[in-house]
Amino acid sequence: MIRGLAFLVYPVKDPAKARAFYEGQLGLRLSRQFGDQWFEYDLGDATFAIARADETHPVPVRGAVVAFEVDDLEAAVARLKAQRARFRQDLCETPVCRLAVALDPDFNEVILHQRKT
């Protein structure tokens, strides 16, 4: 029986560069690391991880995309733009949320998401 989401992982070419993006630019806090190959960030009931890419896990990811819920979407986007982060999609609005799509150093999509109240 499935009880929940254990983790979502993105393979990356350069873990140090990816950590600079996820920790330095997005502000994630490292929860655990296993050598220089695997880094975990606990977020609520789930874990987001980055791991060194290999021949069976190339970059960018073709499939799942991570979406991080933020308190202040405009501030999060402005902070990333000030740090010269790349974006696939600027701020947009749907009937239930607002979002923007940034790109990590390996061009994996990172959705910044804010639910409407």
PDB file of N, CA and C in Angstrom:
ATOM      1  N   MET A   1       0.836  -1.181   0.000  1.00  0.00           N
ATOM      2  CA  MET A   1       0.000   0.000   0.000  1.00  0.00           C
ATOM      3  C   MET A   1       0.878   1.241   0.000  1.00  0.00           C
ATOM      4  N   ILE A   2       0.620   2.159  -0.885  1.00  0.00           N
ATOM      5  CA  ILE A   2       1.377   3.410  -0.936  1.00  0.00           C
ATOM      6  C   ILE A   2       0.855   4.345   0.139  1.00  0.00           C
ATOM      7  N   ARG A   3       1.787   4.887   0.953  1.00  0.00           N
ATOM      8  CA  ARG A   3       1.409   5.781   2.053  1.00  0.00           C
ATOM      9  C   ARG A   3       1.736   7.232   1.759  1.00  0.00           C
ATOM     10  N   GLY A   4       2.603   7.488   0.810  1.00  0.00           N
ATOM     11  CA  GLY A   4       2.971   8.860   0.512  1.00  0.00           C
ATOM     12  C   GLY A   4       4.140   8.909  -0.440  1.00  0.00           C
ATOM     13  N   LEU A   5       4.580  10.116  -0.738  1.00  0.00           N
ATOM     14  CA  LEU A   5       5.723  10.319  -1.611  1.00  0.00           C
ATOM     15  C   LEU A   5       6.989  10.292  -0.771  1.00  0.00           C
ATOM     16  N   ALA A   6       7.906   9.406  -1.084  1.00  0.00           N
ATOM     17  CA  ALA A   6       9.150   9.302  -0.318  1.00  0.00           C
ATOM     18  C   ALA A   6      10.121  10.396  -0.732  1.00  0.00           C
ATOM     19  N   PHE A   7      10.420  10.485  -2.040  1.00  0.00           N
ATOM     20  CA  PHE A   7      11.315  11.529  -2.518  1.00  0.00           C
ATOM     21  C   PHE A   7      11.161  11.699  -4.014  1.00  0.00           C
ATOM     22  N   LEU A   8      11.627  12.839  -4.487  1.00  0.00           N
ATOM     23  CA  LEU A   8      11.751  13.138  -5.905  1.00  0.00           C
ATOM     24  C   LEU A   8      13.204  13.532  -6.111  1.00  0.00           C
ATOM     25  N   VAL A   9      13.854  12.990  -7.141  1.00  0.00           N
ATOM     26  CA  VAL A   9      15.275  13.273  -7.354  1.00  0.00           C
ATOM     27  C   VAL A   9      15.517  13.774  -8.774  1.00  0.00           C
ATOM     28  N   TYR A  10      16.401  14.755  -8.898  1.00  0.00           N
ATOM     29  CA  TYR A  10      16.877  15.236 -10.196  1.00  0.00           C
ATOM     30  C   TYR A  10      18.338  14.831 -10.335  1.00  0.00           C
ATOM     31  N   PRO A  11      18.708  14.177 -11.445  1.00  0.00           N
ATOM     32  CA  PRO A  11      20.116  13.962 -11.713  1.00  0.00           C
ATOM     33  C   PRO A  11      20.728  15.279 -12.194  1.00  0.00           C
ATOM     34  N   VAL A  12      21.968  15.531 -11.799  1.00  0.00           N
ATOM     35  CA  VAL A  12      22.669  16.761 -12.180  1.00  0.00           C
ATOM     36  C   VAL A  12      24.093  16.436 -12.624  1.00  0.00           C
ATOM     37  N   LYS A  13      24.621  17.240 -13.543  1.00  0.00           N
ATOM     38  CA  LYS A  13      25.992  17.029 -14.024  1.00  0.00           C
ATOM     39  C   LYS A  13      27.018  17.436 -12.984  1.00  0.00           C
ATOM     40  N   ASP A  14      26.781  18.555 -12.328  1.00  0.00           N
ATOM     41  CA  ASP A  14      27.743  19.124 -11.395  1.00  0.00           C
ATOM     42  C   ASP A  14      27.043  19.385 -10.063  1.00  0.00           C
ATOM     43  N   PRO A  15      27.146  18.454  -9.097  1.00  0.00           N
ATOM     44  CA  PRO A  15      26.441  18.628  -7.828  1.00  0.00           C
ATOM     45  C   PRO A  15      26.776  19.928  -7.102  1.00  0.00           C
ATOM     46  N   ALA A  16      28.010  20.391  -7.165  1.00  0.00           N
ATOM     47  CA  ALA A  16      28.366  21.643  -6.486  1.00  0.00           C
ATOM     48  C   ALA A  16      27.617  22.823  -7.099  1.00  0.00           C
ATOM     49  N   LYS A  17      27.542  22.860  -8.417  1.00  0.00           N
ATOM     50  CA  LYS A  17      26.816  23.930  -9.111  1.00  0.00           C
ATOM     51  C   LYS A  17      25.318  23.833  -8.802  1.00  0.00           C
ATOM     52  N   ALA A  18      24.792  22.612  -8.797  1.00  0.00           N
ATOM     53  CA  ALA A  18      23.376  22.421  -8.482  1.00  0.00           C
ATOM     54  C   ALA A  18      23.073  22.836  -7.046  1.00  0.00           C
ATOM     55  N   ARG A  19      23.964  22.488  -6.121  1.00  0.00           N
ATOM     56  CA  ARG A  19      23.763  22.894  -4.718  1.00  0.00           C
ATOM     57  C   ARG A  19      23.767  24.405  -4.589  1.00  0.00           C
ATOM     58  N   ALA A  20      24.631  25.075  -5.337  1.00  0.00           N
ATOM     59  CA  ALA A  20      24.660  26.540  -5.296  1.00  0.00           C
ATOM     60  C   ALA A  20      23.305  27.105  -5.723  1.00  0.00           C
ATOM     61  N   PHE A  21      22.667  26.463  -6.712  1.00  0.00           N
ATOM     62  CA  PHE A  21      21.347  26.909  -7.155  1.00  0.00           C
ATOM     63  C   PHE A  21      20.280  26.587  -6.109  1.00  0.00           C
ATOM     64  N   TYR A  22      20.174  25.325  -5.709  1.00  0.00           N
ATOM     65  CA  TYR A  22      19.087  24.912  -4.812  1.00  0.00           C
ATOM     66  C   TYR A  22      19.237  25.474  -3.403  1.00  0.00           C
ATOM     67  N   GLU A  23      20.452  25.546  -2.903  1.00  0.00           N
ATOM     68  CA  GLU A  23      20.667  26.084  -1.557  1.00  0.00           C
ATOM     69  C   GLU A  23      20.874  27.600  -1.585  1.00  0.00           C
ATOM     70  N   GLY A  24      21.753  28.065  -2.472  1.00  0.00           N
ATOM     71  CA  GLY A  24      22.085  29.479  -2.503  1.00  0.00           C
ATOM     72  C   GLY A  24      21.008  30.353  -3.107  1.00  0.00           C
ATOM     73  N   GLN A  25      20.447  29.923  -4.248  1.00  0.00           N
ATOM     74  CA  GLN A  25      19.457  30.759  -4.916  1.00  0.00           C
ATOM     75  C   GLN A  25      18.035  30.480  -4.441  1.00  0.00           C
ATOM     76  N   LEU A  26      17.654  29.212  -4.307  1.00  0.00           N
ATOM     77  CA  LEU A  26      16.300  28.892  -3.859  1.00  0.00           C
ATOM     78  C   LEU A  26      16.158  28.904  -2.345  1.00  0.00           C
ATOM     79  N   GLY A  27      17.259  28.709  -1.616  1.00  0.00           N
ATOM     80  CA  GLY A  27      17.197  28.747  -0.157  1.00  0.00           C
ATOM     81  C   GLY A  27      16.834  27.438   0.517  1.00  0.00           C
ATOM     82  N   LEU A  28      16.945  26.286  -0.203  1.00  0.00           N
ATOM     83  CA  LEU A  28      16.675  25.008   0.452  1.00  0.00           C
ATOM     84  C   LEU A  28      17.758  24.733   1.484  1.00  0.00           C
ATOM     85  N   ARG A  29      17.374  24.033   2.544  1.00  0.00           N
ATOM     86  CA  ARG A  29      18.339  23.666   3.591  1.00  0.00           C
ATOM     87  C   ARG A  29      18.668  22.185   3.467  1.00  0.00           C
ATOM     88  N   LEU A  30      19.961  21.893   3.407  1.00  0.00           N
ATOM     89  CA  LEU A  30      20.423  20.517   3.270  1.00  0.00           C
ATOM     90  C   LEU A  30      20.015  19.712   4.497  1.00  0.00           C
ATOM     91  N   SER A  31      19.392  18.556   4.268  1.00  0.00           N
ATOM     92  CA  SER A  31      18.989  17.662   5.360  1.00  0.00           C
ATOM     93  C   SER A  31      19.994  16.534   5.562  1.00  0.00           C
ATOM     94  N   ARG A  32      20.446  15.946   4.440  1.00  0.00           N
ATOM     95  CA  ARG A  32      21.397  14.838   4.488  1.00  0.00           C
ATOM     96  C   ARG A  32      22.197  14.833   3.202  1.00  0.00           C
ATOM     97  N   GLN A  33      23.408  14.288   3.296  1.00  0.00           N
ATOM     98  CA  GLN A  33      24.172  14.055   2.082  1.00  0.00           C
ATOM     99  C   GLN A  33      24.927  12.743   2.236  1.00  0.00           C
ATOM    100  N   PHE A  34      25.144  12.109   1.110  1.00  0.00           N
ATOM    101  CA  PHE A  34      25.855  10.849   1.075  1.00  0.00           C
ATOM    102  C   PHE A  34      27.016  11.026   0.118  1.00  0.00           C
ATOM    103  N   GLY A  35      28.191  11.303   0.681  1.00  0.00           N
ATOM    104  CA  GLY A  35      29.368  11.590  -0.121  1.00  0.00           C
ATOM    105  C   GLY A  35      29.148  12.845  -0.946  1.00  0.00           C
ATOM    106  N   ASP A  36      29.724  12.841  -2.158  1.00  0.00           N
ATOM    107  CA  ASP A  36      29.535  13.988  -3.042  1.00  0.00           C
ATOM    108  C   ASP A  36      28.615  13.627  -4.207  1.00  0.00           C
ATOM    109  N   GLN A  37      27.763  12.587  -3.995  1.00  0.00           N
ATOM    110  CA  GLN A  37      26.898  12.081  -5.053  1.00  0.00           C
ATOM    111  C   GLN A  37      25.405  12.332  -4.838  1.00  0.00           C
ATOM    112  N   TRP A  38      24.959  12.495  -3.599  1.00  0.00           N
ATOM    113  CA  TRP A  38      23.522  12.529  -3.282  1.00  0.00           C
ATOM    114  C   TRP A  38      23.272  13.529  -2.157  1.00  0.00           C
ATOM    115  N   PHE A  39      22.306  14.451  -2.371  1.00  0.00           N
ATOM    116  CA  PHE A  39      21.992  15.503  -1.401  1.00  0.00           C
ATOM    117  C   PHE A  39      20.481  15.573  -1.239  1.00  0.00           C
ATOM    118  N   GLU A  40      20.004  15.591   0.009  1.00  0.00           N
ATOM    119  CA  GLU A  40      18.569  15.577   0.287  1.00  0.00           C
ATOM    120  C   GLU A  40      18.120  16.839   1.011  1.00  0.00           C
ATOM    121  N   TYR A  41      16.890  17.249   0.676  1.00  0.00           N
ATOM    122  CA  TYR A  41      16.254  18.425   1.265  1.00  0.00           C
ATOM    123  C   TYR A  41      14.852  18.012   1.705  1.00  0.00           C
ATOM    124  N   ASP A  42      14.625  17.939   3.018  1.00  0.00           N
ATOM    125  CA  ASP A  42      13.302  17.579   3.530  1.00  0.00           C
ATOM    126  C   ASP A  42      12.377  18.775   3.404  1.00  0.00           C
ATOM    127  N   LEU A  43      11.205  18.534   2.823  1.00  0.00           N
ATOM    128  CA  LEU A  43      10.203  19.576   2.600  1.00  0.00           C
ATOM    129  C   LEU A  43       8.847  19.022   3.024  1.00  0.00           C
ATOM    130  N   GLY A  44       8.427  19.350   4.226  1.00  0.00           N
ATOM    131  CA  GLY A  44       7.165  18.799   4.711  1.00  0.00           C
ATOM    132  C   GLY A  44       7.267  17.300   4.839  1.00  0.00           C
ATOM    133  N   ASP A  45       6.335  16.581   4.225  1.00  0.00           N
ATOM    134  CA  ASP A  45       6.297  15.124   4.319  1.00  0.00           C
ATOM    135  C   ASP A  45       7.108  14.417   3.233  1.00  0.00           C
ATOM    136  N   ALA A  46       7.756  15.162   2.364  1.00  0.00           N
ATOM    137  CA  ALA A  46       8.501  14.553   1.261  1.00  0.00           C
ATOM    138  C   ALA A  46       9.934  15.079   1.258  1.00  0.00           C
ATOM    139  N   THR A  47      10.739  14.482   0.415  1.00  0.00           N
ATOM    140  CA  THR A  47      12.142  14.874   0.279  1.00  0.00           C
ATOM    141  C   THR A  47      12.438  15.112  -1.194  1.00  0.00           C
ATOM    142  N   PHE A  48      13.133  16.211  -1.464  1.00  0.00           N
ATOM    143  CA  PHE A  48      13.658  16.501  -2.793  1.00  0.00           C
ATOM    144  C   PHE A  48      15.149  16.191  -2.726  1.00  0.00           C
ATOM    145  N   ALA A  49      15.690  15.541  -3.752  1.00  0.00           N
ATOM    146  CA  ALA A  49      17.102  15.184  -3.758  1.00  0.00           C
ATOM    147  C   ALA A  49      17.721  15.542  -5.101  1.00  0.00           C
ATOM    148  N   ILE A  50      19.027  15.780  -5.076  1.00  0.00           N
ATOM    149  CA  ILE A  50      19.806  15.889  -6.303  1.00  0.00           C
ATOM    150  C   ILE A  50      20.905  14.843  -6.220  1.00  0.00           C
ATOM    151  N   ALA A  51      21.244  14.264  -7.368  1.00  0.00           N
ATOM    152  CA  ALA A  51      22.260  13.207  -7.408  1.00  0.00           C
ATOM    153  C   ALA A  51      23.061  13.341  -8.695  1.00  0.00           C
ATOM    154  N   ARG A  52      24.320  12.949  -8.626  1.00  0.00           N
ATOM    155  CA  ARG A  52      25.170  13.024  -9.817  1.00  0.00           C
ATOM    156  C   ARG A  52      24.566  12.163 -10.931  1.00  0.00           C
ATOM    157  N   ALA A  53      24.442  12.754 -12.116  1.00  0.00           N
ATOM    158  CA  ALA A  53      23.911  12.045 -13.281  1.00  0.00           C
ATOM    159  C   ALA A  53      24.865  10.931 -13.699  1.00  0.00           C
ATOM    160  N   ASP A  54      24.299   9.902 -14.320  1.00  0.00           N
ATOM    161  CA  ASP A  54      25.113   8.838 -14.895  1.00  0.00           C
ATOM    162  C   ASP A  54      24.468   8.393 -16.202  1.00  0.00           C
ATOM    163  N   GLU A  55      24.981   7.355 -16.812  1.00  0.00           N
ATOM    164  CA  GLU A  55      24.480   6.943 -18.128  1.00  0.00           C
ATOM    165  C   GLU A  55      23.014   6.500 -18.110  1.00  0.00           C
ATOM    166  N   THR A  56      22.520   6.038 -16.987  1.00  0.00           N
ATOM    167  CA  THR A  56      21.117   5.634 -16.922  1.00  0.00           C
ATOM    168  C   THR A  56      20.204   6.748 -16.408  1.00  0.00           C
ATOM    169  N   HIS A  57      20.797   7.824 -15.913  1.00  0.00           N
ATOM    170  CA  HIS A  57      20.027   8.961 -15.405  1.00  0.00           C
ATOM    171  C   HIS A  57      20.626  10.255 -15.962  1.00  0.00           C
ATOM    172  N   PRO A  58      20.351  10.558 -17.257  1.00  0.00           N
ATOM    173  CA  PRO A  58      20.934  11.734 -17.889  1.00  0.00           C
ATOM    174  C   PRO A  58      20.187  13.020 -17.507  1.00  0.00           C
ATOM    175  N   VAL A  59      20.752  14.140 -17.895  1.00  0.00           N
ATOM    176  CA  VAL A  59      20.122  15.435 -17.668  1.00  0.00           C
ATOM    177  C   VAL A  59      19.879  16.123 -19.010  1.00  0.00           C
ATOM    178  N   PRO A  60      18.909  17.014 -19.125  1.00  0.00           N
ATOM    179  CA  PRO A  60      17.915  17.291 -18.096  1.00  0.00           C
ATOM    180  C   PRO A  60      16.904  16.161 -18.001  1.00  0.00           C
ATOM    181  N   VAL A  61      16.181  16.150 -16.894  1.00  0.00           N
ATOM    182  CA  VAL A  61      15.171  15.126 -16.645  1.00  0.00           C
ATOM    183  C   VAL A  61      14.071  15.231 -17.697  1.00  0.00           C
ATOM    184  N   ARG A  62      13.627  14.114 -18.175  1.00  0.00           N
ATOM    185  CA  ARG A  62      12.485  14.069 -19.085  1.00  0.00           C
ATOM    186  C   ARG A  62      11.385  13.297 -18.377  1.00  0.00           C
ATOM    187  N   GLY A  63      10.523  13.995 -17.713  1.00  0.00           N
ATOM    188  CA  GLY A  63       9.459  13.340 -16.958  1.00  0.00           C
ATOM    189  C   GLY A  63       8.972  14.262 -15.874  1.00  0.00           C
ATOM    190  N   ALA A  64       9.063  13.831 -14.651  1.00  0.00           N
ATOM    191  CA  ALA A  64       8.546  14.596 -13.518  1.00  0.00           C
ATOM    192  C   ALA A  64       9.235  15.947 -13.390  1.00  0.00           C
ATOM    193  N   VAL A  65       8.494  16.916 -12.906  1.00  0.00           N
ATOM    194  CA  VAL A  65       9.008  18.263 -12.651  1.00  0.00           C
ATOM    195  C   VAL A  65       8.680  18.611 -11.210  1.00  0.00           C
ATOM    196  N   VAL A  66       9.618  19.219 -10.503  1.00  0.00           N
ATOM    197  CA  VAL A  66       9.396  19.594  -9.115  1.00  0.00           C
ATOM    198  C   VAL A  66       8.716  20.964  -9.064  1.00  0.00           C
ATOM    199  N   ALA A  67       7.779  21.111  -8.130  1.00  0.00           N
ATOM    200  CA  ALA A  67       7.113  22.393  -7.879  1.00  0.00           C
ATOM    201  C   ALA A  67       7.237  22.691  -6.391  1.00  0.00           C
ATOM    202  N   PHE A  68       7.844  23.833  -6.061  1.00  0.00           N
ATOM    203  CA  PHE A  68       8.015  24.248  -4.676  1.00  0.00           C
ATOM    204  C   PHE A  68       6.967  25.298  -4.338  1.00  0.00           C
ATOM    205  N   GLU A  69       6.211  25.059  -3.279  1.00  0.00           N
ATOM    206  CA  GLU A  69       5.233  26.033  -2.795  1.00  0.00           C
ATOM    207  C   GLU A  69       5.991  27.148  -2.084  1.00  0.00           C
ATOM    208  N   VAL A  70       5.688  28.409  -2.406  1.00  0.00           N
ATOM    209  CA  VAL A  70       6.352  29.558  -1.792  1.00  0.00           C
ATOM    210  C   VAL A  70       5.311  30.459  -1.134  1.00  0.00           C
ATOM    211  N   ASP A  71       5.753  31.236  -0.149  1.00  0.00           N
ATOM    212  CA  ASP A  71       4.861  32.173   0.530  1.00  0.00           C
ATOM    213  C   ASP A  71       4.631  33.436  -0.284  1.00  0.00           C
ATOM    214  N   ASP A  72       5.675  33.911  -0.966  1.00  0.00           N
ATOM    215  CA  ASP A  72       5.615  35.171  -1.704  1.00  0.00           C
ATOM    216  C   ASP A  72       6.244  34.952  -3.074  1.00  0.00           C
ATOM    217  N   LEU A  73       5.413  34.694  -4.065  1.00  0.00           N
ATOM    218  CA  LEU A  73       5.898  34.354  -5.399  1.00  0.00           C
ATOM    219  C   LEU A  73       6.699  35.493  -6.018  1.00  0.00           C
ATOM    220  N   GLU A  74       6.201  36.727  -5.923  1.00  0.00           N
ATOM    221  CA  GLU A  74       6.920  37.857  -6.518  1.00  0.00           C
ATOM    222  C   GLU A  74       8.315  37.999  -5.916  1.00  0.00           C
ATOM    223  N   ALA A  75       8.414  37.871  -4.610  1.00  0.00           N
ATOM    224  CA  ALA A  75       9.716  37.997  -3.940  1.00  0.00           C
ATOM    225  C   ALA A  75      10.651  36.869  -4.364  1.00  0.00           C
ATOM    226  N   ALA A  76      10.141  35.643  -4.466  1.00  0.00           N
ATOM    227  CA  ALA A  76      10.974  34.506  -4.868  1.00  0.00           C
ATOM    228  C   ALA A  76      11.504  34.697  -6.288  1.00  0.00           C
ATOM    229  N   VAL A  77      10.633  35.130  -7.196  1.00  0.00           N
ATOM    230  CA  VAL A  77      11.043  35.353  -8.587  1.00  0.00           C
ATOM    231  C   VAL A  77      12.044  36.506  -8.664  1.00  0.00           C
ATOM    232  N   ALA A  78      11.772  37.588  -7.958  1.00  0.00           N
ATOM    233  CA  ALA A  78      12.684  38.743  -7.969  1.00  0.00           C
ATOM    234  C   ALA A  78      14.061  38.360  -7.437  1.00  0.00           C
ATOM    235  N   ARG A  79      14.094  37.555  -6.365  1.00  0.00           N
ATOM    236  CA  ARG A  79      15.376  37.129  -5.797  1.00  0.00           C
ATOM    237  C   ARG A  79      16.171  36.307  -6.812  1.00  0.00           C
ATOM    238  N   LEU A  80      15.499  35.389  -7.496  1.00  0.00           N
ATOM    239  CA  LEU A  80      16.189  34.567  -8.494  1.00  0.00           C
ATOM    240  C   LEU A  80      16.655  35.401  -9.681  1.00  0.00           C
ATOM    241  N   LYS A  81      15.822  36.325 -10.134  1.00  0.00           N
ATOM    242  CA  LYS A  81      16.222  37.180 -11.256  1.00  0.00           C
ATOM    243  C   LYS A  81      17.419  38.045 -10.879  1.00  0.00           C
ATOM    244  N   ALA A  82      17.448  38.540  -9.654  1.00  0.00           N
ATOM    245  CA  ALA A  82      18.581  39.345  -9.199  1.00  0.00           C
ATOM    246  C   ALA A  82      19.872  38.527  -9.192  1.00  0.00           C
ATOM    247  N   GLN A  83      19.734  37.211  -9.030  1.00  0.00           N
ATOM    248  CA  GLN A  83      20.897  36.314  -9.035  1.00  0.00           C
ATOM    249  C   GLN A  83      21.140  35.722 -10.421  1.00  0.00           C
ATOM    250  N   ARG A  84      20.460  36.267 -11.410  1.00  0.00           N
ATOM    251  CA  ARG A  84      20.615  35.883 -12.816  1.00  0.00           C
ATOM    252  C   ARG A  84      20.191  34.445 -13.123  1.00  0.00           C
ATOM    253  N   ALA A  85      19.221  33.933 -12.391  1.00  0.00           N
ATOM    254  CA  ALA A  85      18.675  32.615 -12.702  1.00  0.00           C
ATOM    255  C   ALA A  85      17.921  32.690 -14.031  1.00  0.00           C
ATOM    256  N   ARG A  86      17.927  31.590 -14.748  1.00  0.00           N
ATOM    257  CA  ARG A  86      17.204  31.511 -16.021  1.00  0.00           C
ATOM    258  C   ARG A  86      15.763  31.091 -15.770  1.00  0.00           C
ATOM    259  N   PHE A  87      14.859  31.554 -16.616  1.00  0.00           N
ATOM    260  CA  PHE A  87      13.447  31.212 -16.510  1.00  0.00           C
ATOM    261  C   PHE A  87      12.939  30.691 -17.842  1.00  0.00           C
ATOM    262  N   ARG A  88      12.120  29.662 -17.769  1.00  0.00           N
ATOM    263  CA  ARG A  88      11.416  29.173 -18.956  1.00  0.00           C
ATOM    264  C   ARG A  88      10.102  29.927 -19.102  1.00  0.00           C
ATOM    265  N   GLN A  89       9.493  30.277 -17.971  1.00  0.00           N
ATOM    266  CA  GLN A  89       8.210  30.993 -17.993  1.00  0.00           C
ATOM    267  C   GLN A  89       8.185  31.987 -16.847  1.00  0.00           C
ATOM    268  N   ASP A  90       7.851  33.219 -17.157  1.00  0.00           N
ATOM    269  CA  ASP A  90       7.738  34.249 -16.131  1.00  0.00           C
ATOM    270  C   ASP A  90       6.419  34.060 -15.377  1.00  0.00           C
ATOM    271  N   LEU A  91       6.128  34.941 -14.472  1.00  0.00           N
ATOM    272  CA  LEU A  91       4.909  34.854 -13.668  1.00  0.00           C
ATOM    273  C   LEU A  91       3.677  34.674 -14.547  1.00  0.00           C
ATOM    274  N   CYS A  92       2.829  33.732 -14.167  1.00  0.00           N
ATOM    275  CA  CYS A  92       1.551  33.544 -14.855  1.00  0.00           C
ATOM    276  C   CYS A  92       0.512  33.127 -13.825  1.00  0.00           C
ATOM    277  N   GLU A  93      -0.725  33.182 -14.237  1.00  0.00           N
ATOM    278  CA  GLU A  93      -1.824  32.904 -13.312  1.00  0.00           C
ATOM    279  C   GLU A  93      -2.773  31.882 -13.922  1.00  0.00           C
ATOM    280  N   THR A  94      -3.260  30.972 -13.075  1.00  0.00           N
ATOM    281  CA  THR A  94      -4.297  30.023 -13.457  1.00  0.00           C
ATOM    282  C   THR A  94      -5.491  30.268 -12.534  1.00  0.00           C
ATOM    283  N   PRO A  95      -6.591  29.585 -12.725  1.00  0.00           N
ATOM    284  CA  PRO A  95      -7.729  29.785 -11.813  1.00  0.00           C
ATOM    285  C   PRO A  95      -7.429  29.412 -10.360  1.00  0.00           C
ATOM    286  N   VAL A  96      -6.461  28.529 -10.126  1.00  0.00           N
ATOM    287  CA  VAL A  96      -6.207  28.066  -8.753  1.00  0.00           C
ATOM    288  C   VAL A  96      -4.852  28.456  -8.181  1.00  0.00           C
ATOM    289  N   CYS A  97      -3.948  28.976  -9.024  1.00  0.00           N
ATOM    290  CA  CYS A  97      -2.607  29.288  -8.527  1.00  0.00           C
ATOM    291  C   CYS A  97      -1.929  30.336  -9.389  1.00  0.00           C
ATOM    292  N   ARG A  98      -0.762  30.740  -8.917  1.00  0.00           N
ATOM    293  CA  ARG A  98       0.155  31.583  -9.676  1.00  0.00           C
ATOM    294  C   ARG A  98       1.489  30.860  -9.666  1.00  0.00           C
ATOM    295  N   LEU A  99       2.274  30.998 -10.752  1.00  0.00           N
ATOM    296  CA  LEU A  99       3.524  30.268 -10.819  1.00  0.00           C
ATOM    297  C   LEU A  99       4.507  30.917 -11.773  1.00  0.00           C
ATOM    298  N   ALA A 100       5.746  30.480 -11.679  1.00  0.00           N
ATOM    299  CA  ALA A 100       6.811  30.811 -12.621  1.00  0.00           C
ATOM    300  C   ALA A 100       7.684  29.566 -12.733  1.00  0.00           C
ATOM    301  N   VAL A 101       8.362  29.413 -13.867  1.00  0.00           N
ATOM    302  CA  VAL A 101       9.186  28.226 -14.089  1.00  0.00           C
ATOM    303  C   VAL A 101      10.640  28.656 -14.300  1.00  0.00           C
ATOM    304  N   ALA A 102      11.482  28.345 -13.320  1.00  0.00           N
ATOM    305  CA  ALA A 102      12.918  28.617 -13.406  1.00  0.00           C
ATOM    306  C   ALA A 102      13.616  27.371 -13.946  1.00  0.00           C
ATOM    307  N   LEU A 103      14.874  27.547 -14.320  1.00  0.00           N
ATOM    308  CA  LEU A 103      15.689  26.432 -14.790  1.00  0.00           C
ATOM    309  C   LEU A 103      16.921  26.306 -13.903  1.00  0.00           C
ATOM    310  N   ASP A 104      17.228  25.074 -13.484  1.00  0.00           N
ATOM    311  CA  ASP A 104      18.445  24.869 -12.700  1.00  0.00           C
ATOM    312  C   ASP A 104      19.640  24.822 -13.655  1.00  0.00           C
ATOM    313  N   PRO A 105      20.860  24.654 -13.155  1.00  0.00           N
ATOM    314  CA  PRO A 105      22.032  24.664 -14.039  1.00  0.00           C
ATOM    315  C   PRO A 105      22.022  23.590 -15.129  1.00  0.00           C
ATOM    316  N   ASP A 106      21.236  22.514 -14.948  1.00  0.00           N
ATOM    317  CA  ASP A 106      21.143  21.457 -15.957  1.00  0.00           C
ATOM    318  C   ASP A 106      19.885  21.575 -16.808  1.00  0.00           C
ATOM    319  N   PHE A 107      19.179  22.706 -16.701  1.00  0.00           N
ATOM    320  CA  PHE A 107      17.949  22.987 -17.441  1.00  0.00           C
ATOM    321  C   PHE A 107      16.762  22.144 -16.993  1.00  0.00           C
ATOM    322  N   ASN A 108      16.820  21.589 -15.778  1.00  0.00           N
ATOM    323  CA  ASN A 108      15.642  20.958 -15.192  1.00  0.00           C
ATOM    324  C   ASN A 108      14.679  22.068 -14.797  1.00  0.00           C
ATOM    325  N   GLU A 109      13.386  21.875 -15.038  1.00  0.00           N
ATOM    326  CA  GLU A 109      12.390  22.873 -14.666  1.00  0.00           C
ATOM    327  C   GLU A 109      12.137  22.843 -13.167  1.00  0.00           C
ATOM    328  N   VAL A 110      12.058  24.027 -12.572  1.00  0.00           N
ATOM    329  CA  VAL A 110      11.763  24.194 -11.153  1.00  0.00           C
ATOM    330  C   VAL A 110      10.599  25.183 -11.077  1.00  0.00           C
ATOM    331  N   ILE A 111       9.421  24.670 -10.724  1.00  0.00           N
ATOM    332  CA  ILE A 111       8.242  25.527 -10.645  1.00  0.00           C
ATOM    333  C   ILE A 111       8.197  26.161  -9.254  1.00  0.00           C
ATOM    334  N   LEU A 112       8.032  27.479  -9.239  1.00  0.00           N
ATOM    335  CA  LEU A 112       7.748  28.216  -8.006  1.00  0.00           C
ATOM    336  C   LEU A 112       6.251  28.450  -8.031  1.00  0.00           C
ATOM    337  N   HIS A 113       5.550  27.974  -7.016  1.00  0.00           N
ATOM    338  CA  HIS A 113       4.090  27.872  -7.027  1.00  0.00           C
ATOM    339  C   HIS A 113       3.495  28.542  -5.799  1.00  0.00           C
ATOM    340  N   GLN A 114       2.378  29.253  -6.003  1.00  0.00           N
ATOM    341  CA  GLN A 114       1.659  29.828  -4.873  1.00  0.00           C
ATOM    342  C   GLN A 114       0.167  29.602  -5.100  1.00  0.00           C
ATOM    343  N   ARG A 115      -0.424  28.809  -4.200  1.00  0.00           N
ATOM    344  CA  ARG A 115      -1.865  28.550  -4.285  1.00  0.00           C
ATOM    345  C   ARG A 115      -2.650  29.817  -3.965  1.00  0.00           C
ATOM    346  N   LYS A 116      -3.779  29.971  -4.645  1.00  0.00           N
ATOM    347  CA  LYS A 116      -4.669  31.083  -4.311  1.00  0.00           C
ATOM    348  C   LYS A 116      -5.497  30.685  -3.100  1.00  0.00           C
ATOM    349  N   THR A 117      -5.854  31.658  -2.285  1.00  0.00           N
ATOM    350  CA  THR A 117      -6.663  31.357  -1.106  1.00  0.00           C
ATOM    351  C   THR A 117      -8.129  31.478  -1.401  1.00  0.00           C
TER     352      THR A 117
END
